[in-house]
Amino acid sequence: MKTINLNPWLLFFAVAGFVAAAVAFKPAAPQPAKVVYMQFTTVESIIPGGLGRSKMLTTMPDGSKTEDDLQNFYSMVGINFGNISNNNTAITRKINDLVTQGWEFDKIVTGTQSPAENNGQGIFISRYFFKRALE
């Protein structure tokens, strides 16, 4: 039986070459998709007597804007749950329309503002952010 003696340097360079080839031909990592964002904002008045103004403002990525009326949280007799329900329907319709157009809901940021303590006036604001991949 014949014994084969391998040169250690030959073995080292063979393994190093294999590793270098494996690293060199590694497929490129996929690039993250580029996205574009849009938002719409609801401003709902919480001024007693129905004196405030409530709106839904939409800003598209190209800078175009639309403005739709919403109803105030209060009427002359106090809080108006019918108005709140109608606003919920309008906001849900807007979200569904945007999703149908290919927008993906990203996040919502909410807040309230009242200019002075105990005056019963203010606004409730929500910002709805959507995104979609650029084509």
Foldseek 3Di string as FASTA:
>chain_A
DDDDDDDVVVVVVVVVVVVVVCVVPDDDDDDDFDKAKWKKKWKAKQAEAQPDFIWIWTAHRVGDIDIDGAGHQYHNVGGDVVSVVRNVVVVVVVVVVVVVVVWAWDDKDWDKDDPDPPPRTTIIMMMTMTMHGDD
